[in-house]
C-alpha cells in the first residue's frame, strides 16, 4: 500500500504525465528530423508515392512521399465561373462542417432536427501545467 494521500498520488501522477509529455515532444521532434534526413539520403531522387531502398538480407526501407494539397477558397471563387457547370464538382469535394456559433443560435425545434444528423463523440481531454506568474 502507498503511504501517500490521494492528493499526493494525484500530484505524482501529474508530474509523471508532464515528464512523459516533455519526453514525447522531444522524441517526436527528433524522429521527424531523422525521418527527413533518412528520406533525403536513401531517396535523393524520390518520386511521389512509395520509394524502396534495399537494406540487405531481404530487408527493404520503404519511404512514402506525399503532398498535402489544400484549396485557396478565394482563388477558387475567382475562377469558378470559368468552368462549365458541375465540372468542379468532379474534382472538388465539399465537406459539411458544423459552425458551432450558428448552431447555438438555431431555434430549439431546428436544432433538435439537426441533432439527428450530427455524430458527436467525446474528444481527448487536454491538460496543461501553468507555471505561476513571476512576482513583481
C-alpha atoms as a PDB file:
ATOM      1  CA  UNK A   1       0.000   0.000   0.000  1.00  0.00           C
ATOM      2  CA  UNK A   2       1.081   3.508  -0.655  1.00  0.00           C
ATOM      3  CA  UNK A   3       1.769   5.899   2.204  1.00  0.00           C
ATOM      4  CA  UNK A   4       0.772   8.811   0.015  1.00  0.00           C
ATOM      5  CA  UNK A   5      -2.538  10.588   0.373  1.00  0.00           C
ATOM      6  CA  UNK A   6      -4.858  10.643  -2.645  1.00  0.00           C
ATOM      7  CA  UNK A   7      -3.858  14.282  -3.250  1.00  0.00           C
ATOM      8  CA  UNK A   8      -0.153  13.349  -3.185  1.00  0.00           C
ATOM      9  CA  UNK A   9      -0.797  10.410  -5.512  1.00  0.00           C
ATOM     10  CA  UNK A  10      -2.563  12.750  -7.927  1.00  0.00           C
ATOM     11  CA  UNK A  11       0.336  15.225  -7.822  1.00  0.00           C
ATOM     12  CA  UNK A  12       2.783  12.389  -8.545  1.00  0.00           C
ATOM     13  CA  UNK A  13       0.620  11.231 -11.431  1.00  0.00           C
ATOM     14  CA  UNK A  14       0.526  14.790 -12.816  1.00  0.00           C
ATOM     15  CA  UNK A  15       4.325  15.024 -12.511  1.00  0.00           C
ATOM     16  CA  UNK A  16       4.734  11.705 -14.346  1.00  0.00           C
ATOM     17  CA  UNK A  17       2.320  12.841 -17.067  1.00  0.00           C
ATOM     18  CA  UNK A  18       4.230  16.122 -17.550  1.00  0.00           C
ATOM     19  CA  UNK A  19       7.527  14.219 -17.807  1.00  0.00           C
ATOM     20  CA  UNK A  20       6.046  11.878 -20.419  1.00  0.00           C
ATOM     21  CA  UNK A  21       4.664  14.853 -22.394  1.00  0.00           C
ATOM     22  CA  UNK A  22       8.094  16.521 -22.412  1.00  0.00           C
ATOM     23  CA  UNK A  23       9.905  13.319 -23.465  1.00  0.00           C
ATOM     24  CA  UNK A  24       7.313  12.650 -26.156  1.00  0.00           C
ATOM     25  CA  UNK A  25       7.681  16.153 -27.607  1.00  0.00           C
ATOM     26  CA  UNK A  26      11.465  15.824 -27.675  1.00  0.00           C
ATOM     27  CA  UNK A  27      11.325  12.367 -29.272  1.00  0.00           C
ATOM     28  CA  UNK A  28       8.692  13.423 -31.788  1.00  0.00           C
ATOM     29  CA  UNK A  29      10.856  16.305 -32.997  1.00  0.00           C
ATOM     30  CA  UNK A  30      13.940  14.064 -33.163  1.00  0.00           C
ATOM     31  CA  UNK A  31      12.033  11.349 -35.041  1.00  0.00           C
ATOM     32  CA  UNK A  32      10.821  13.861 -37.642  1.00  0.00           C
ATOM     33  CA  UNK A  33      14.322  15.254 -38.117  1.00  0.00           C
ATOM     34  CA  UNK A  34      15.781  11.742 -38.579  1.00  0.00           C
ATOM     35  CA  UNK A  35      12.956  10.726 -40.908  1.00  0.00           C
ATOM     36  CA  UNK A  36      13.612  13.715 -43.178  1.00  0.00           C
ATOM     37  CA  UNK A  37      17.396  13.093 -43.165  1.00  0.00           C
ATOM     38  CA  UNK A  38      16.978   9.385 -43.950  1.00  0.00           C
ATOM     39  CA  UNK A  39      14.436  10.109 -46.688  1.00  0.00           C
ATOM     40  CA  UNK A  40      16.805  12.619 -48.321  1.00  0.00           C
ATOM     41  CA  UNK A  41      19.818  10.282 -48.100  1.00  0.00           C
ATOM     42  CA  UNK A  42      18.130   6.996 -49.025  1.00  0.00           C
ATOM     43  CA  UNK A  43      15.984   8.514 -51.771  1.00  0.00           C
ATOM     44  CA  UNK A  44      17.851  11.511 -53.253  1.00  0.00           C
ATOM     45  CA  UNK A  45      15.615  11.401 -56.348  1.00  0.00           C
ATOM     46  CA  UNK A  46      12.409  10.429 -54.536  1.00  0.00           C
ATOM     47  CA  UNK A  47       9.209  10.458 -56.518  1.00  0.00           C
ATOM     48  CA  UNK A  48       5.685  10.869 -55.202  1.00  0.00           C
ATOM     49  CA  UNK A  49       4.414   7.556 -53.903  1.00  0.00           C
ATOM     50  CA  UNK A  50       6.413   4.660 -52.464  1.00  0.00           C
ATOM     51  CA  UNK A  51      10.186   4.556 -52.886  1.00  0.00           C
ATOM     52  CA  UNK A  52      12.223   1.471 -51.904  1.00  0.00           C
ATOM     53  CA  UNK A  53      15.795   1.186 -50.569  1.00  0.00           C
ATOM     54  CA  UNK A  54      17.485  -2.231 -50.240  1.00  0.00           C
ATOM     55  CA  UNK A  55      18.848  -2.739 -46.714  1.00  0.00           C
ATOM     56  CA  UNK A  56      20.279  -6.167 -47.471  1.00  0.00           C
ATOM     57  CA  UNK A  57      19.391  -9.610 -46.113  1.00  0.00           C
ATOM     58  CA  UNK A  58      15.940  -9.268 -47.653  1.00  0.00           C
ATOM     59  CA  UNK A  59      15.058  -6.119 -45.702  1.00  0.00           C
ATOM     60  CA  UNK A  60      13.841  -3.021 -47.500  1.00  0.00           C
ATOM     61  CA  UNK A  61      13.171   0.504 -46.375  1.00  0.00           C
ATOM     62  CA  UNK A  62      10.011   1.941 -47.863  1.00  0.00           C
ATOM     63  CA  UNK A  63       9.719   5.699 -47.939  1.00  0.00           C
ATOM     64  CA  UNK A  64       6.451   7.262 -48.970  1.00  0.00           C
ATOM     65  CA  UNK A  65       6.467  10.773 -50.364  1.00  0.00           C
ATOM     66  CA  UNK A  66       3.152  12.596 -50.309  1.00  0.00           C
ATOM     67  CA  UNK A  67       1.915  16.099 -51.000  1.00  0.00           C
ATOM     68  CA  UNK A  68      -0.575  17.992 -48.921  1.00  0.00           C
ATOM     69  CA  UNK A  69      -2.989  19.844 -51.193  1.00  0.00           C
ATOM     70  CA  UNK A  70      -5.349  22.490 -49.894  1.00  0.00           C
ATOM     71  CA  UNK A  71      -7.670  24.761 -51.798  1.00  0.00           C
ATOM     72  CA  UNK A  72      -7.391  28.520 -51.665  1.00  0.00           C
ATOM     73  CA  UNK A  73     -11.096  29.339 -51.333  1.00  0.00           C
ATOM     74  CA  UNK A  74     -10.698  32.938 -52.522  1.00  0.00           C
ATOM     75  CA  UNK A  75      -8.732  31.891 -55.619  1.00  0.00           C
ATOM     76  CA  UNK A  76     -11.285  29.159 -56.366  1.00  0.00           C
ATOM     77  CA  UNK A  77     -14.153  31.642 -56.124  1.00  0.00           C
ATOM     78  CA  UNK A  78     -12.426  33.954 -58.590  1.00  0.00           C
ATOM     79  CA  UNK A  79     -12.049  31.231 -61.262  1.00  0.00           C
ATOM     80  CA  UNK A  80     -15.215  29.226 -60.609  1.00  0.00           C
ATOM     81  CA  UNK A  81     -17.189  30.951 -63.389  1.00  0.00           C
ATOM     82  CA  UNK A  82     -14.600  29.849 -65.996  1.00  0.00           C
ATOM     83  CA  UNK A  83     -15.556  26.182 -65.550  1.00  0.00           C
ATOM     84  CA  UNK A  84     -18.618  24.548 -67.093  1.00  0.00           C
ATOM     85  CA  UNK A  85     -21.375  23.970 -64.547  1.00  0.00           C
ATOM     86  CA  UNK A  86     -20.816  20.825 -62.492  1.00  0.00           C
ATOM     87  CA  UNK A  87     -17.235  20.264 -63.664  1.00  0.00           C
ATOM     88  CA  UNK A  88     -15.657  21.434 -60.404  1.00  0.00           C
ATOM     89  CA  UNK A  89     -17.922  19.016 -58.535  1.00  0.00           C
ATOM     90  CA  UNK A  90     -15.972  16.194 -60.221  1.00  0.00           C
ATOM     91  CA  UNK A  91     -12.656  17.392 -58.757  1.00  0.00           C
ATOM     92  CA  UNK A  92     -13.532  19.207 -55.554  1.00  0.00           C
ATOM     93  CA  UNK A  93     -15.362  17.625 -52.630  1.00  0.00           C
ATOM     94  CA  UNK A  94     -17.290  19.882 -50.289  1.00  0.00           C
ATOM     95  CA  UNK A  95     -17.381  18.525 -46.748  1.00  0.00           C
ATOM     96  CA  UNK A  96     -20.092  19.844 -44.479  1.00  0.00           C
ATOM     97  CA  UNK A  97     -18.753  21.260 -41.222  1.00  0.00           C
ATOM     98  CA  UNK A  98     -20.725  22.414 -38.254  1.00  0.00           C
ATOM     99  CA  UNK A  99     -20.419  26.090 -37.396  1.00  0.00           C
ATOM    100  CA  UNK A 100     -20.885  25.891 -33.646  1.00  0.00           C
ATOM    101  CA  UNK A 101     -21.698  29.590 -33.213  1.00  0.00           C
ATOM    102  CA  UNK A 102     -24.526  29.365 -35.751  1.00  0.00           C
ATOM    103  CA  UNK A 103     -25.701  26.025 -34.385  1.00  0.00           C
ATOM    104  CA  UNK A 104     -26.155  27.548 -30.935  1.00  0.00           C
ATOM    105  CA  UNK A 105     -28.386  30.313 -32.396  1.00  0.00           C
ATOM    106  CA  UNK A 106     -30.807  27.894 -34.090  1.00  0.00           C
ATOM    107  CA  UNK A 107     -34.302  27.702 -32.650  1.00  0.00           C
ATOM    108  CA  UNK A 108     -34.703  24.620 -30.427  1.00  0.00           C
ATOM    109  CA  UNK A 109     -37.002  22.861 -32.913  1.00  0.00           C
ATOM    110  CA  UNK A 110     -34.484  23.162 -35.790  1.00  0.00           C
ATOM    111  CA  UNK A 111     -31.503  22.363 -33.573  1.00  0.00           C
ATOM    112  CA  UNK A 112     -33.197  19.133 -32.455  1.00  0.00           C
ATOM    113  CA  UNK A 113     -33.824  18.181 -36.092  1.00  0.00           C
ATOM    114  CA  UNK A 114     -30.190  18.875 -36.986  1.00  0.00           C
ATOM    115  CA  UNK A 115     -29.030  16.871 -33.940  1.00  0.00           C
ATOM    116  CA  UNK A 116     -30.268  13.750 -35.744  1.00  0.00           C
ATOM    117  CA  UNK A 117     -27.631  14.333 -38.448  1.00  0.00           C
ATOM    118  CA  UNK A 118     -24.754  15.002 -36.051  1.00  0.00           C
ATOM    119  CA  UNK A 119     -22.305  12.377 -34.837  1.00  0.00           C
ATOM    120  CA  UNK A 120     -20.967  13.573 -31.508  1.00  0.00           C
ATOM    121  CA  UNK A 121     -18.103  11.763 -29.805  1.00  0.00           C
ATOM    122  CA  UNK A 122     -16.088  12.818 -26.776  1.00  0.00           C
ATOM    123  CA  UNK A 123     -12.730  14.318 -27.758  1.00  0.00           C
ATOM    124  CA  UNK A 124      -9.470  13.662 -25.941  1.00  0.00           C
ATOM    125  CA  UNK A 125      -9.139  15.773 -22.824  1.00  0.00           C
ATOM    126  CA  UNK A 126      -6.491  18.479 -22.775  1.00  0.00           C
ATOM    127  CA  UNK A 127      -4.183  19.208 -19.851  1.00  0.00           C
ATOM    128  CA  UNK A 128      -1.660  21.978 -19.348  1.00  0.00           C
ATOM    129  CA  UNK A 129       0.622  22.783 -16.454  1.00  0.00           C
ATOM    130  CA  UNK A 130       0.609  26.542 -15.938  1.00  0.00           C
ATOM    131  CA  UNK A 131       3.606  27.991 -14.104  1.00  0.00           C
ATOM    132  CA  UNK A 132       2.928  30.722 -11.550  1.00  0.00           C
ATOM    133  CA  UNK A 133       3.443  34.263 -12.755  1.00  0.00           C
ATOM    134  CA  UNK A 134       6.666  35.891 -11.605  1.00  0.00           C
ATOM    135  CA  UNK A 135       6.190  38.211  -8.656  1.00  0.00           C
ATOM    136  CA  UNK A 136       6.980  41.840  -9.344  1.00  0.00           C
END
